[in-house]
Every structure is written in structure tokens, then in C-alpha cells.
Amino acid sequence: MLRLYTLRLAYLILGGGLALYIWPDVIHHTPGLAASHGIQLSLLAGLGATALLGLRYPVKMIPILLFELLWKAIYLIAFALPLWRAHQITPAVAADISAVLMVVIFLPLIPWLYVWREYVTARGDRWR
């Protein structure tokens, strides 16, 4: 039961955090914001809304947490690290990096043995 509640906590943090920070911009935005960041806001709002399903189905929604970890790891490795190496971190990029690094709170909440067993070593579904 404890593992299920820790998973639910992860979904609450993810969904609730995105609801607090993203949904106000989705609901009340300017045309300029829609043109420049509309697609990112929509993706994050959808991710947050879907994450809230994890409150009811914590095990079935583990791929949402994995997606969150993966996109943030890709950002840090492919974008932030090269900027850091080139000494080109601006205040805006530093703020992005700080926000993305918050993903570390999910690492101990994810049941990694289950993920390994179900998504890495288990047989996949049939193609036909």
C-alpha cells in the first residue's frame, strides 16, 4: 500500500504542479503567448491532466512518470549540458534547468524493479 500511495504522491505533484503553473496561462493567455508557447503549454497541460488519472490508477499510469523523466533527461543532456559547457547559460536557461531538475523527486517514488520487470524484460504484446 505504501508504494501505491507514493506513486499517487508523484502523480499529485506532477498533475497539481502543472495545474498551478500551466493551466492559468492556458485559460488566460494573450495572442502573443499563444503564438510563441501555445504548443508547449498545451502539451504540458495535457500531461498534467493525464497524470491526475494516476491518482486512481497508480500502476497503470507509470508510463506518464517515465515520459516526464525522459523528456527532462533529454533536455538536460541534449540542450542544457552543451550550453553549460559553452558557458552560455542565461538567466532564463538557468531558471529552466532549475525547474527541470525538480524531476529528481520522482526517482525514489517510482517502483524501478516493477518498471524493469514489466517494461524491459517482459515479453512484448503480439504484433498480429
N, C-alpha and C. Protein backbone atom coordinates (compact mmCIF):
# COMPACT_ATOMS: atom_id res chain seq x y z
N MET A 1 0.82 -1.20 0.00
CA MET A 1 0.00 0.00 0.00
C MET A 1 0.86 1.26 0.00
N LEU A 2 1.97 1.21 0.73
CA LEU A 2 2.83 2.39 0.79
C LEU A 2 3.34 2.78 -0.60
N ARG A 3 3.71 1.78 -1.41
CA ARG A 3 4.19 2.07 -2.76
C ARG A 3 3.09 2.72 -3.61
N LEU A 4 1.86 2.26 -3.45
CA LEU A 4 0.76 2.87 -4.21
C LEU A 4 0.56 4.32 -3.81
N TYR A 5 0.67 4.60 -2.51
CA TYR A 5 0.50 5.97 -2.05
C TYR A 5 1.66 6.86 -2.47
N THR A 6 2.88 6.30 -2.55
CA THR A 6 3.99 7.12 -3.03
C THR A 6 3.84 7.42 -4.52
N LEU A 7 3.33 6.44 -5.27
CA LEU A 7 3.04 6.71 -6.68
C LEU A 7 1.97 7.78 -6.81
N ARG A 8 0.93 7.68 -6.00
CA ARG A 8 -0.13 8.70 -6.04
C ARG A 8 0.43 10.08 -5.70
N LEU A 9 1.37 10.13 -4.77
CA LEU A 9 2.02 11.39 -4.45
C LEU A 9 2.75 11.95 -5.67
N ALA A 10 3.43 11.08 -6.40
CA ALA A 10 4.13 11.54 -7.60
C ALA A 10 3.15 12.12 -8.62
N TYR A 11 2.02 11.46 -8.82
CA TYR A 11 1.03 11.98 -9.78
C TYR A 11 0.42 13.29 -9.28
N LEU A 12 0.21 13.39 -7.98
CA LEU A 12 -0.33 14.62 -7.41
C LEU A 12 0.65 15.77 -7.59
N ILE A 13 1.93 15.51 -7.35
CA ILE A 13 2.94 16.55 -7.55
C ILE A 13 3.00 16.97 -9.01
N LEU A 14 3.03 15.99 -9.91
CA LEU A 14 3.11 16.29 -11.33
C LEU A 14 1.85 17.00 -11.83
N GLY A 15 0.70 16.39 -11.60
CA GLY A 15 -0.55 16.97 -12.09
C GLY A 15 -0.90 18.27 -11.39
N GLY A 16 -0.72 18.30 -10.08
CA GLY A 16 -1.03 19.52 -9.33
C GLY A 16 -0.08 20.65 -9.67
N GLY A 17 1.20 20.33 -9.80
CA GLY A 17 2.17 21.37 -10.16
C GLY A 17 1.89 21.97 -11.52
N LEU A 18 1.60 21.11 -12.48
CA LEU A 18 1.27 21.63 -13.81
C LEU A 18 -0.05 22.39 -13.80
N ALA A 19 -0.98 21.95 -12.98
CA ALA A 19 -2.25 22.69 -12.88
C ALA A 19 -2.02 24.09 -12.33
N LEU A 20 -1.15 24.21 -11.35
CA LEU A 20 -0.88 25.52 -10.75
C LEU A 20 -0.10 26.45 -11.66
N TYR A 21 0.86 25.89 -12.40
CA TYR A 21 1.76 26.74 -13.18
C TYR A 21 1.39 26.87 -14.65
N ILE A 22 0.73 25.88 -15.22
CA ILE A 22 0.46 25.89 -16.66
C ILE A 22 -0.98 26.31 -16.97
N TRP A 23 -1.94 25.73 -16.25
CA TRP A 23 -3.34 25.98 -16.59
C TRP A 23 -3.75 27.45 -16.53
N PRO A 24 -3.23 28.26 -15.61
CA PRO A 24 -3.60 29.69 -15.67
C PRO A 24 -3.23 30.34 -17.00
N ASP A 25 -2.07 29.96 -17.57
CA ASP A 25 -1.69 30.50 -18.88
C ASP A 25 -2.53 29.93 -20.00
N VAL A 26 -2.99 28.68 -19.84
CA VAL A 26 -3.86 28.09 -20.86
C VAL A 26 -5.21 28.80 -20.86
N ILE A 27 -5.72 29.08 -19.69
CA ILE A 27 -7.05 29.69 -19.60
C ILE A 27 -7.01 31.18 -19.95
N HIS A 28 -6.00 31.89 -19.46
CA HIS A 28 -5.91 33.35 -19.69
C HIS A 28 -4.59 33.64 -20.40
N HIS A 29 -4.62 33.67 -21.73
CA HIS A 29 -3.40 33.93 -22.48
C HIS A 29 -3.63 35.03 -23.51
N THR A 30 -2.53 35.61 -23.92
CA THR A 30 -2.55 36.62 -24.96
C THR A 30 -2.32 35.95 -26.31
N PRO A 31 -2.66 36.62 -27.39
CA PRO A 31 -2.35 36.05 -28.71
C PRO A 31 -0.84 35.83 -28.90
N GLY A 32 -0.03 36.70 -28.32
CA GLY A 32 1.42 36.53 -28.44
C GLY A 32 1.90 35.26 -27.75
N LEU A 33 1.36 35.00 -26.57
CA LEU A 33 1.72 33.77 -25.85
C LEU A 33 1.23 32.54 -26.62
N ALA A 34 0.05 32.64 -27.18
CA ALA A 34 -0.49 31.53 -27.96
C ALA A 34 0.41 31.23 -29.16
N ALA A 35 0.91 32.27 -29.80
CA ALA A 35 1.77 32.08 -30.99
C ALA A 35 3.15 31.57 -30.62
N SER A 36 3.69 32.01 -29.47
CA SER A 36 5.06 31.65 -29.14
C SER A 36 5.18 30.38 -28.30
N HIS A 37 4.21 30.13 -27.42
CA HIS A 37 4.33 28.99 -26.50
C HIS A 37 3.07 28.14 -26.41
N GLY A 38 2.13 28.34 -27.29
CA GLY A 38 0.86 27.61 -27.21
C GLY A 38 1.02 26.11 -27.26
N ILE A 39 1.90 25.64 -28.13
CA ILE A 39 2.05 24.19 -28.28
C ILE A 39 2.68 23.57 -27.03
N GLN A 40 3.68 24.25 -26.43
CA GLN A 40 4.30 23.72 -25.22
C GLN A 40 3.30 23.72 -24.06
N LEU A 41 2.55 24.80 -23.93
CA LEU A 41 1.57 24.88 -22.85
C LEU A 41 0.50 23.81 -23.01
N SER A 42 0.08 23.56 -24.23
CA SER A 42 -0.94 22.53 -24.47
C SER A 42 -0.40 21.15 -24.11
N LEU A 43 0.83 20.86 -24.51
CA LEU A 43 1.42 19.57 -24.19
C LEU A 43 1.53 19.38 -22.68
N LEU A 44 2.03 20.38 -21.98
CA LEU A 44 2.19 20.27 -20.54
C LEU A 44 0.85 20.22 -19.81
N ALA A 45 -0.14 20.95 -20.30
CA ALA A 45 -1.47 20.90 -19.69
C ALA A 45 -2.08 19.51 -19.87
N GLY A 46 -1.92 18.94 -21.05
CA GLY A 46 -2.42 17.58 -21.29
C GLY A 46 -1.69 16.55 -20.44
N LEU A 47 -0.38 16.70 -20.31
CA LEU A 47 0.40 15.80 -19.46
C LEU A 47 -0.08 15.87 -18.01
N GLY A 48 -0.29 17.08 -17.52
CA GLY A 48 -0.75 17.24 -16.14
C GLY A 48 -2.13 16.67 -15.91
N ALA A 49 -3.03 16.91 -16.86
CA ALA A 49 -4.38 16.37 -16.72
C ALA A 49 -4.36 14.85 -16.76
N THR A 50 -3.54 14.28 -17.64
CA THR A 50 -3.44 12.83 -17.72
C THR A 50 -2.79 12.25 -16.47
N ALA A 51 -1.83 12.96 -15.91
CA ALA A 51 -1.16 12.49 -14.70
C ALA A 51 -2.14 12.33 -13.54
N LEU A 52 -3.18 13.15 -13.52
CA LEU A 52 -4.15 13.04 -12.44
C LEU A 52 -4.91 11.71 -12.49
N LEU A 53 -4.93 11.04 -13.64
CA LEU A 53 -5.50 9.70 -13.70
C LEU A 53 -4.71 8.72 -12.82
N GLY A 54 -3.45 9.06 -12.58
CA GLY A 54 -2.62 8.23 -11.72
C GLY A 54 -3.09 8.19 -10.28
N LEU A 55 -3.88 9.16 -9.87
CA LEU A 55 -4.45 9.11 -8.52
C LEU A 55 -5.38 7.91 -8.38
N ARG A 56 -6.07 7.58 -9.45
CA ARG A 56 -6.98 6.44 -9.44
C ARG A 56 -6.31 5.14 -9.88
N TYR A 57 -5.42 5.25 -10.88
CA TYR A 57 -4.74 4.08 -11.44
C TYR A 57 -3.22 4.26 -11.34
N PRO A 58 -2.66 4.16 -10.14
CA PRO A 58 -1.24 4.48 -9.98
C PRO A 58 -0.29 3.58 -10.76
N VAL A 59 -0.56 2.31 -10.86
CA VAL A 59 0.36 1.41 -11.55
C VAL A 59 0.20 1.54 -13.07
N LYS A 60 -1.02 1.64 -13.54
CA LYS A 60 -1.26 1.74 -14.98
C LYS A 60 -0.68 3.02 -15.59
N MET A 61 -0.52 4.04 -14.78
CA MET A 61 -0.06 5.33 -15.30
C MET A 61 1.44 5.55 -15.15
N ILE A 62 2.19 4.53 -14.78
CA ILE A 62 3.64 4.67 -14.64
C ILE A 62 4.29 5.22 -15.92
N PRO A 63 3.84 4.87 -17.13
CA PRO A 63 4.46 5.46 -18.32
C PRO A 63 4.43 6.99 -18.35
N ILE A 64 3.46 7.61 -17.70
CA ILE A 64 3.43 9.07 -17.62
C ILE A 64 4.64 9.58 -16.84
N LEU A 65 4.96 8.92 -15.74
CA LEU A 65 6.13 9.32 -14.96
C LEU A 65 7.41 9.06 -15.74
N LEU A 66 7.45 7.96 -16.48
CA LEU A 66 8.62 7.68 -17.30
C LEU A 66 8.79 8.72 -18.40
N PHE A 67 7.68 9.13 -19.02
CA PHE A 67 7.74 10.18 -20.02
C PHE A 67 8.28 11.47 -19.42
N GLU A 68 7.81 11.82 -18.23
CA GLU A 68 8.28 13.03 -17.55
C GLU A 68 9.79 12.96 -17.31
N LEU A 69 10.26 11.82 -16.84
CA LEU A 69 11.69 11.66 -16.61
C LEU A 69 12.48 11.73 -17.91
N LEU A 70 11.97 11.08 -18.95
CA LEU A 70 12.71 11.03 -20.21
C LEU A 70 12.82 12.38 -20.91
N TRP A 71 11.72 13.12 -20.98
CA TRP A 71 11.83 14.39 -21.69
C TRP A 71 12.73 15.36 -20.95
N LYS A 72 12.71 15.29 -19.62
CA LYS A 72 13.58 16.17 -18.86
C LYS A 72 15.04 15.74 -18.96
N ALA A 73 15.30 14.44 -18.99
CA ALA A 73 16.67 13.96 -19.17
C ALA A 73 17.18 14.36 -20.55
N ILE A 74 16.34 14.25 -21.57
CA ILE A 74 16.74 14.66 -22.92
C ILE A 74 17.07 16.15 -22.94
N TYR A 75 16.25 16.97 -22.30
CA TYR A 75 16.52 18.42 -22.26
C TYR A 75 17.87 18.68 -21.59
N LEU A 76 18.09 18.04 -20.44
CA LEU A 76 19.32 18.29 -19.70
C LEU A 76 20.56 17.85 -20.47
N ILE A 77 20.48 16.69 -21.12
CA ILE A 77 21.65 16.15 -21.83
C ILE A 77 21.86 16.83 -23.18
N ALA A 78 20.79 16.99 -23.95
CA ALA A 78 20.93 17.49 -25.33
C ALA A 78 20.97 19.01 -25.43
N PHE A 79 20.39 19.71 -24.48
CA PHE A 79 20.31 21.17 -24.59
C PHE A 79 21.06 21.90 -23.47
N ALA A 80 20.76 21.57 -22.21
CA ALA A 80 21.36 22.31 -21.10
C ALA A 80 22.85 22.02 -20.96
N LEU A 81 23.26 20.77 -21.07
CA LEU A 81 24.67 20.41 -20.91
C LEU A 81 25.56 21.10 -21.96
N PRO A 82 25.20 21.08 -23.25
CA PRO A 82 26.04 21.81 -24.22
C PRO A 82 26.10 23.32 -23.93
N LEU A 83 24.99 23.90 -23.50
CA LEU A 83 25.02 25.33 -23.15
C LEU A 83 25.94 25.58 -21.96
N TRP A 84 25.88 24.70 -20.98
CA TRP A 84 26.73 24.83 -19.79
C TRP A 84 28.20 24.71 -20.17
N ARG A 85 28.50 23.70 -21.02
CA ARG A 85 29.89 23.51 -21.45
C ARG A 85 30.42 24.71 -22.23
N ALA A 86 29.54 25.36 -22.98
CA ALA A 86 29.94 26.53 -23.77
C ALA A 86 29.85 27.83 -22.96
N HIS A 87 29.53 27.73 -21.67
CA HIS A 87 29.38 28.89 -20.79
C HIS A 87 28.35 29.88 -21.34
N GLN A 88 27.22 29.34 -21.83
CA GLN A 88 26.17 30.17 -22.41
C GLN A 88 24.85 30.05 -21.65
N ILE A 89 24.91 29.79 -20.38
CA ILE A 89 23.69 29.69 -19.57
C ILE A 89 23.21 31.10 -19.25
N THR A 90 22.05 31.44 -19.76
CA THR A 90 21.43 32.73 -19.47
C THR A 90 20.55 32.58 -18.23
N PRO A 91 20.10 33.67 -17.65
CA PRO A 91 19.19 33.54 -16.52
C PRO A 91 17.91 32.75 -16.85
N ALA A 92 17.40 32.90 -18.06
CA ALA A 92 16.20 32.15 -18.45
C ALA A 92 16.50 30.65 -18.54
N VAL A 93 17.64 30.30 -19.11
CA VAL A 93 18.02 28.89 -19.20
C VAL A 93 18.28 28.32 -17.81
N ALA A 94 18.90 29.11 -16.95
CA ALA A 94 19.14 28.66 -15.57
C ALA A 94 17.83 28.38 -14.85
N ALA A 95 16.84 29.23 -15.09
CA ALA A 95 15.52 29.00 -14.48
C ALA A 95 14.89 27.72 -15.03
N ASP A 96 15.02 27.50 -16.34
CA ASP A 96 14.51 26.26 -16.94
C ASP A 96 15.19 25.04 -16.35
N ILE A 97 16.51 25.10 -16.21
CA ILE A 97 17.26 23.98 -15.66
C ILE A 97 16.82 23.70 -14.23
N SER A 98 16.64 24.73 -13.44
CA SER A 98 16.18 24.55 -12.06
C SER A 98 14.81 23.88 -12.02
N ALA A 99 13.93 24.30 -12.89
CA ALA A 99 12.59 23.70 -12.92
C ALA A 99 12.65 22.25 -13.37
N VAL A 100 13.48 21.97 -14.37
CA VAL A 100 13.58 20.60 -14.90
C VAL A 100 14.24 19.68 -13.88
N LEU A 101 15.19 20.18 -13.12
CA LEU A 101 15.88 19.34 -12.14
C LEU A 101 14.97 18.89 -11.00
N MET A 102 13.82 19.52 -10.87
CA MET A 102 12.87 19.09 -9.83
C MET A 102 12.40 17.65 -10.07
N VAL A 103 12.68 17.10 -11.24
CA VAL A 103 12.27 15.74 -11.57
C VAL A 103 12.93 14.73 -10.63
N VAL A 104 14.00 15.10 -9.97
CA VAL A 104 14.68 14.15 -9.08
C VAL A 104 13.77 13.67 -7.96
N ILE A 105 12.74 14.43 -7.62
CA ILE A 105 11.84 13.97 -6.55
C ILE A 105 11.06 12.73 -6.96
N PHE A 106 10.94 12.48 -8.28
CA PHE A 106 10.22 11.29 -8.74
C PHE A 106 11.07 10.02 -8.66
N LEU A 107 12.37 10.16 -8.69
CA LEU A 107 13.25 8.98 -8.75
C LEU A 107 12.99 7.97 -7.63
N PRO A 108 12.91 8.37 -6.37
CA PRO A 108 12.65 7.36 -5.34
C PRO A 108 11.20 6.90 -5.27
N LEU A 109 10.29 7.60 -5.93
CA LEU A 109 8.87 7.24 -5.86
C LEU A 109 8.47 6.18 -6.88
N ILE A 110 9.25 6.03 -7.92
CA ILE A 110 8.94 5.07 -8.99
C ILE A 110 9.42 3.68 -8.58
N PRO A 111 8.57 2.67 -8.73
CA PRO A 111 8.99 1.29 -8.40
C PRO A 111 9.87 0.72 -9.53
N TRP A 112 11.16 0.95 -9.43
CA TRP A 112 12.07 0.63 -10.52
C TRP A 112 12.15 -0.85 -10.84
N LEU A 113 12.04 -1.72 -9.85
CA LEU A 113 12.04 -3.17 -10.13
C LEU A 113 10.83 -3.55 -10.97
N TYR A 114 9.67 -2.97 -10.65
CA TYR A 114 8.46 -3.21 -11.43
C TYR A 114 8.65 -2.71 -12.87
N VAL A 115 9.20 -1.50 -13.00
CA VAL A 115 9.44 -0.94 -14.33
C VAL A 115 10.36 -1.85 -15.12
N TRP A 116 11.43 -2.32 -14.52
CA TRP A 116 12.37 -3.21 -15.21
C TRP A 116 11.67 -4.49 -15.65
N ARG A 117 10.91 -5.07 -14.70
CA ARG A 117 10.24 -6.35 -14.97
C ARG A 117 9.15 -6.21 -16.03
N GLU A 118 8.36 -5.15 -15.98
CA GLU A 118 7.21 -5.01 -16.86
C GLU A 118 7.51 -4.35 -18.21
N TYR A 119 8.52 -3.48 -18.26
CA TYR A 119 8.76 -2.72 -19.49
C TYR A 119 10.07 -3.06 -20.19
N VAL A 120 10.97 -3.75 -19.50
CA VAL A 120 12.26 -4.06 -20.12
C VAL A 120 12.38 -5.55 -20.39
N THR A 121 12.16 -6.38 -19.38
CA THR A 121 12.41 -7.82 -19.55
C THR A 121 11.17 -8.63 -19.91
N ALA A 122 9.99 -8.08 -19.73
CA ALA A 122 8.77 -8.83 -20.07
C ALA A 122 8.62 -8.94 -21.58
N ARG A 123 7.97 -10.00 -22.00
CA ARG A 123 7.68 -10.15 -23.43
C ARG A 123 6.69 -9.07 -23.87
N GLY A 124 6.90 -8.57 -25.06
CA GLY A 124 6.01 -7.56 -25.60
C GLY A 124 4.71 -8.18 -26.11
N ASP A 125 3.74 -7.33 -26.40
CA ASP A 125 2.50 -7.81 -26.98
C ASP A 125 2.74 -8.31 -28.40
N ARG A 126 1.89 -9.21 -28.83
CA ARG A 126 2.00 -9.75 -30.19
C ARG A 126 1.73 -8.66 -31.21
N TRP A 127 2.36 -8.78 -32.37
CA TRP A 127 2.14 -7.84 -33.47
C TRP A 127 0.95 -8.24 -34.32
N ARG A 128 0.60 -9.51 -34.32
CA ARG A 128 -0.52 -9.99 -35.12
C ARG A 128 -1.36 -10.91 -34.30
